[in-house]
Amino acid sequence: MSYHVFLLKRQDWRVWIDGPAYQAAVTQTVTGWALATGADLCFNLGLFKLWDGPACNYARSKGKDIAYGGASEIMTIDSMNACRGYSNGILDGTVKVNAPLGGYAYRNGVGVTTDGRILIAQTSHTCTEAVFCQKVNDFVIKNGSRVKLFVLQDGGGSVSEYSAMSKLGFYPGGTRRVATVICAKRITKPSITRTLSFGCRGEDVRELQVALGGIEADGIFGVGTLSRVRAAQKELGIRVDGYAGPVTRSWLFKNVK
């Protein structure tokens, strides 16, 4: 079982919401959205066409409202980008699941921490909302912060993400075309000065895991990270050895200044 929880520092990442105007018929896979927007990381937000109906959660993209409805609290990235969820998952560090979707499904949500980091989380297995939110809350606390607001998206089934840095995707619910995504672009190069391999721990491992996508960014180079490094090396067309050395890192971060 795996929870993909990313904490993105605003000084290192530009994060935004992308999608069409309300009820517009523009949908793409997250891979397509990443290519169209130039994002390094792209995640299904699941705001548009929940249960195949019209937009029911609020979202702001490029300063324009593109969807309406949802819970009352707004998760704000900046003045141009914000959203609500269909339910609040965590509010001021307390799990508050206030929607009737308690069954087992794939889960995803976005939020902000009290120290200003952007929080993006998904699961690679089915679970209840309560379990998902508790895992996310525990992860943030373990990383020395507190969840200010975490809003739940999508009732389950279309969780997906793509890393243009590793060229790897993650699609537990299939490759369904979606209309609203949350994107991230790396704006600073991470300071990784050593070759990372199985057994390594630290903030530099976490930076590697975020770039790879599809795994928990917990700072521990375990079997999952090893598998993703090898898969990325194969996709990038470089030597497949499972070591994140200078060559692998240069390819992962080659478009970062």
Protein backbone atom coordinates (compact mmCIF):
# COMPACT_ATOMS: atom_id res chain seq x y z
CA MET A 1 0.00 0.00 0.00
CA SER A 2 1.30 3.40 -0.87
CA TYR A 3 0.33 7.00 -0.26
CA HIS A 4 1.85 9.53 -2.62
CA VAL A 5 2.20 12.67 -0.51
CA PHE A 6 4.21 15.60 -1.87
CA LEU A 7 5.04 18.80 0.02
CA LEU A 8 6.21 21.43 -2.47
CA LYS A 9 8.04 24.52 -1.25
CA ARG A 10 6.89 27.66 -3.03
CA GLN A 11 10.47 28.91 -3.43
CA ASP A 12 11.31 25.73 -5.37
CA TRP A 13 8.10 25.09 -7.29
CA ARG A 14 5.56 27.11 -9.22
CA VAL A 15 2.17 25.48 -8.75
CA TRP A 16 -1.00 26.26 -10.66
CA ILE A 17 -4.40 24.90 -11.68
CA ASP A 18 -5.24 24.34 -15.33
CA GLY A 19 -8.47 23.51 -17.07
CA PRO A 20 -11.09 24.74 -19.55
CA ALA A 21 -13.92 27.18 -18.99
CA TYR A 22 -16.96 25.87 -17.13
CA GLN A 23 -18.56 22.94 -19.01
CA ALA A 24 -16.15 23.30 -21.95
CA ALA A 25 -15.50 20.02 -23.72
CA VAL A 26 -11.69 20.01 -23.33
CA THR A 27 -10.31 16.87 -21.71
CA GLN A 28 -6.89 15.22 -21.82
CA THR A 29 -4.89 12.64 -19.91
CA VAL A 30 -2.57 14.07 -17.28
CA THR A 31 0.31 13.29 -19.66
CA GLY A 32 -1.39 15.39 -22.31
CA TRP A 33 -1.98 18.21 -19.84
CA ALA A 34 1.69 18.13 -18.76
CA LEU A 35 2.83 18.44 -22.37
CA ALA A 36 0.28 21.18 -23.11
CA THR A 37 1.14 23.27 -20.04
CA GLY A 38 4.88 22.65 -19.77
CA ALA A 39 4.46 21.25 -16.26
CA ASP A 40 7.12 19.05 -14.67
CA LEU A 41 4.48 17.34 -12.53
CA CYS A 42 0.80 17.02 -13.36
CA PHE A 43 -1.97 15.51 -11.21
CA ASN A 44 -5.65 14.88 -11.83
CA LEU A 45 -7.59 17.36 -9.70
CA GLY A 46 -10.95 15.75 -10.45
CA LEU A 47 -12.98 18.94 -10.13
CA PHE A 48 -14.78 18.71 -13.46
CA LYS A 49 -17.47 16.12 -14.25
CA LEU A 50 -17.54 14.40 -10.89
CA TRP A 51 -19.74 11.33 -11.47
CA ASP A 52 -19.90 12.47 -15.12
CA GLY A 53 -22.11 15.43 -14.31
CA PRO A 54 -21.33 19.16 -14.66
CA ALA A 55 -18.66 20.81 -12.55
CA CYS A 56 -19.60 20.73 -8.88
CA ASN A 57 -16.51 22.12 -7.13
CA TYR A 58 -15.07 25.60 -7.34
CA ALA A 59 -11.78 26.21 -9.15
CA ARG A 60 -9.85 29.26 -10.30
CA SER A 61 -7.33 28.97 -13.12
CA LYS A 62 -5.36 31.83 -14.71
CA GLY A 63 -7.43 34.21 -12.60
CA LYS A 64 -10.76 32.98 -14.00
CA ASP A 65 -13.41 30.88 -12.31
CA ILE A 66 -13.76 27.61 -14.23
CA ALA A 67 -16.01 25.59 -11.91
CA TYR A 68 -18.45 26.21 -9.09
CA GLY A 69 -19.70 24.58 -5.90
CA GLY A 70 -18.06 22.34 -3.33
CA ALA A 71 -17.23 22.86 0.33
CA SER A 72 -17.06 26.36 1.80
CA GLU A 73 -13.31 26.58 2.53
CA ILE A 74 -11.03 27.62 -0.35
CA MET A 75 -7.55 26.17 -0.83
CA THR A 76 -5.62 29.13 -2.19
CA ILE A 77 -2.34 28.78 -4.09
CA ASP A 78 -2.23 32.44 -5.09
CA SER A 79 -4.57 35.12 -6.46
CA MET A 80 -4.74 33.35 -9.82
CA ASN A 81 -5.21 29.78 -8.58
CA ALA A 82 -7.52 28.30 -5.96
CA CYS A 83 -10.04 25.53 -5.47
CA ARG A 84 -12.51 23.88 -3.16
CA GLY A 85 -13.09 20.17 -2.74
CA TYR A 86 -16.38 18.33 -2.61
CA SER A 87 -15.43 17.78 1.02
CA ASN A 88 -12.95 19.07 3.58
CA GLY A 89 -10.50 16.33 4.52
CA ILE A 90 -8.33 18.15 7.07
CA LEU A 91 -8.88 21.57 8.64
CA ASP A 92 -6.36 23.20 10.99
CA GLY A 93 -4.62 19.90 11.66
CA THR A 94 -7.78 17.94 12.43
CA VAL A 95 -9.24 15.27 10.15
CA LYS A 96 -12.75 16.38 9.18
CA VAL A 97 -14.30 14.04 6.65
CA ASN A 98 -17.71 15.57 6.07
CA ALA A 99 -18.96 13.74 2.96
CA PRO A 100 -20.83 10.42 2.73
CA LEU A 101 -18.19 8.71 0.55
CA GLY A 102 -16.82 6.39 3.19
CA GLY A 103 -16.35 3.31 1.03
CA TYR A 104 -13.16 2.00 -0.54
CA ALA A 105 -11.89 3.91 -3.59
CA TYR A 106 -8.80 5.64 -4.95
CA ARG A 107 -8.40 9.02 -3.26
CA ASN A 108 -6.78 12.34 -4.06
CA GLY A 109 -6.72 15.83 -2.63
CA VAL A 110 -4.77 19.08 -2.42
CA GLY A 111 -4.03 21.54 0.32
CA VAL A 112 -1.68 23.93 2.05
CA THR A 113 0.33 23.68 5.26
CA THR A 114 0.76 26.29 7.96
CA ASP A 115 4.32 26.95 6.76
CA GLY A 116 3.08 27.67 3.23
CA ARG A 117 3.92 24.46 1.39
CA ILE A 118 1.57 23.07 -1.25
CA LEU A 119 0.26 19.62 -0.36
CA ILE A 120 -0.68 17.11 -3.07
CA ALA A 121 -1.69 13.56 -2.16
CA GLN A 122 -3.02 10.43 -3.88
CA THR A 123 -3.25 6.71 -3.16
CA SER A 124 -2.15 3.74 -5.21
CA HIS A 125 -4.72 1.52 -3.50
CA THR A 126 -8.34 1.83 -2.44
CA CYS A 127 -9.11 3.11 1.04
CA THR A 128 -11.69 5.10 2.96
CA GLU A 129 -11.55 8.88 3.10
CA ALA A 130 -10.90 8.80 6.84
CA VAL A 131 -7.88 6.51 6.49
CA PHE A 132 -6.52 8.55 3.57
CA CYS A 133 -6.81 11.85 5.44
CA GLN A 134 -5.25 10.43 8.59
CA LYS A 135 -2.27 9.14 6.60
CA VAL A 136 -1.84 12.55 4.95
CA ASN A 137 -2.12 14.34 8.29
CA ASP A 138 0.44 12.02 9.90
CA PHE A 139 2.85 12.55 6.98
CA VAL A 140 2.72 16.34 7.30
CA ILE A 141 3.22 16.20 11.07
CA LYS A 142 6.19 13.86 10.61
CA ASN A 143 7.67 16.45 8.24
CA GLY A 144 7.52 19.17 10.86
CA SER A 145 4.44 21.05 9.77
CA ARG A 146 0.66 21.18 10.18
CA VAL A 147 -2.13 20.99 7.62
CA LYS A 148 -3.96 24.28 7.30
CA LEU A 149 -6.49 22.94 4.79
CA PHE A 150 -6.70 19.73 2.75
CA VAL A 151 -9.65 19.38 0.40
CA LEU A 152 -10.78 16.07 -1.10
CA GLN A 153 -11.19 15.77 -4.85
CA ASP A 154 -12.81 13.14 -7.03
CA GLY A 155 -14.92 10.39 -5.52
CA GLY A 156 -12.44 7.80 -6.76
CA GLY A 157 -11.52 6.02 -9.97
CA SER A 158 -9.58 8.58 -11.98
CA VAL A 159 -6.53 9.19 -9.77
CA SER A 160 -3.54 9.83 -12.01
CA GLU A 161 -0.25 11.69 -12.15
CA TYR A 162 2.66 12.20 -14.55
CA SER A 163 6.25 13.40 -14.16
CA ALA A 164 7.74 15.00 -17.27
CA MET A 165 11.07 14.90 -15.43
CA SER A 166 11.22 11.09 -15.24
CA LYS A 167 8.76 10.48 -18.10
CA LEU A 168 6.85 8.15 -15.79
CA GLY A 169 3.13 8.09 -15.15
CA PHE A 170 0.97 6.60 -12.45
CA TYR A 171 -2.58 5.51 -13.28
CA PRO A 172 -4.24 3.21 -10.71
CA GLY A 173 -7.72 4.15 -11.96
CA GLY A 174 -6.89 3.94 -15.66
CA THR A 175 -5.89 6.65 -18.11
CA ARG A 176 -9.19 8.48 -18.05
CA ARG A 177 -9.22 11.88 -19.73
CA VAL A 178 -9.73 14.67 -17.21
CA ALA A 179 -10.61 18.33 -17.53
CA THR A 180 -8.96 19.90 -14.49
CA VAL A 181 -5.43 19.35 -13.20
CA ILE A 182 -2.93 20.74 -10.72
CA CYS A 183 0.49 21.41 -12.24
CA ALA A 184 3.94 22.08 -10.80
CA LYS A 185 7.13 23.41 -12.41
CA ARG A 186 10.51 23.14 -10.70
CA ILE A 187 12.12 26.61 -10.58
CA THR A 188 15.30 25.83 -8.62
CA LYS A 189 17.78 22.98 -8.96
CA PRO A 190 17.83 20.68 -5.93
CA SER A 191 21.10 20.46 -4.06
CA ILE A 192 21.96 16.77 -4.49
CA THR A 193 25.70 16.32 -4.18
CA ARG A 194 26.02 12.55 -3.70
CA THR A 195 25.06 9.46 -5.65
CA LEU A 196 21.79 8.19 -4.23
CA SER A 197 21.19 4.46 -3.99
CA PHE A 198 19.23 1.86 -2.10
CA GLY A 199 19.37 2.53 1.64
CA CYS A 200 20.09 6.27 1.42
CA ARG A 201 18.01 8.66 3.50
CA GLY A 202 17.60 12.41 3.56
CA GLU A 203 16.10 15.50 2.01
CA ASP A 204 18.02 14.86 -1.22
CA VAL A 205 16.26 11.47 -1.53
CA ARG A 206 12.94 13.25 -1.07
CA GLU A 207 13.81 15.65 -3.89
CA LEU A 208 14.60 12.68 -6.11
CA GLN A 209 11.33 10.96 -5.22
CA VAL A 210 9.27 14.05 -6.07
CA ALA A 211 10.95 14.28 -9.48
CA LEU A 212 10.33 10.58 -10.15
CA GLY A 213 6.66 10.75 -9.16
CA GLY A 214 4.44 7.79 -8.39
CA ILE A 215 5.98 7.00 -4.98
CA GLU A 216 5.86 8.29 -1.44
CA ALA A 217 8.25 11.21 -1.03
CA ASP A 218 9.40 10.04 2.40
CA GLY A 219 13.15 10.56 2.05
CA ILE A 220 13.91 6.83 2.23
CA PHE A 221 15.48 5.13 -0.81
CA GLY A 222 13.70 1.80 -0.63
CA VAL A 223 12.53 -0.83 -3.08
CA GLY A 224 9.85 1.45 -4.58
CA THR A 225 12.33 4.23 -5.25
CA LEU A 226 14.82 1.79 -6.72
CA SER A 227 12.17 0.48 -9.10
CA ARG A 228 11.21 4.02 -10.17
CA VAL A 229 14.85 5.02 -10.75
CA ARG A 230 15.38 2.02 -13.00
CA ALA A 231 12.13 2.72 -14.86
CA ALA A 232 13.09 6.39 -15.33
CA GLN A 233 16.55 5.46 -16.61
CA LYS A 234 14.93 3.18 -19.18
CA GLU A 235 12.48 5.89 -20.28
CA LEU A 236 15.25 8.52 -20.44
CA GLY A 237 17.46 6.22 -22.52
CA ILE A 238 20.40 6.11 -20.12
CA ARG A 239 22.20 3.28 -18.33
CA VAL A 240 19.81 1.29 -16.14
CA ASP A 241 21.64 0.59 -12.89
CA GLY A 242 19.33 1.90 -10.13
CA TYR A 243 21.82 4.54 -8.97
CA ALA A 244 20.84 8.22 -9.06
CA GLY A 245 24.29 9.50 -9.96
CA PRO A 246 25.30 12.67 -11.81
CA VAL A 247 24.10 11.43 -15.22
CA THR A 248 20.67 10.35 -13.99
CA ARG A 249 20.21 13.57 -12.01
CA SER A 250 21.28 15.73 -14.93
CA TRP A 251 18.63 14.09 -17.10
CA LEU A 252 15.92 14.40 -14.45
CA PHE A 253 16.62 18.07 -13.85
CA LYS A 254 17.96 19.08 -17.27
CA ASN A 255 15.24 21.67 -17.85
CA VAL A 256 15.68 23.29 -14.43
CA LYS A 257 17.88 26.37 -14.34
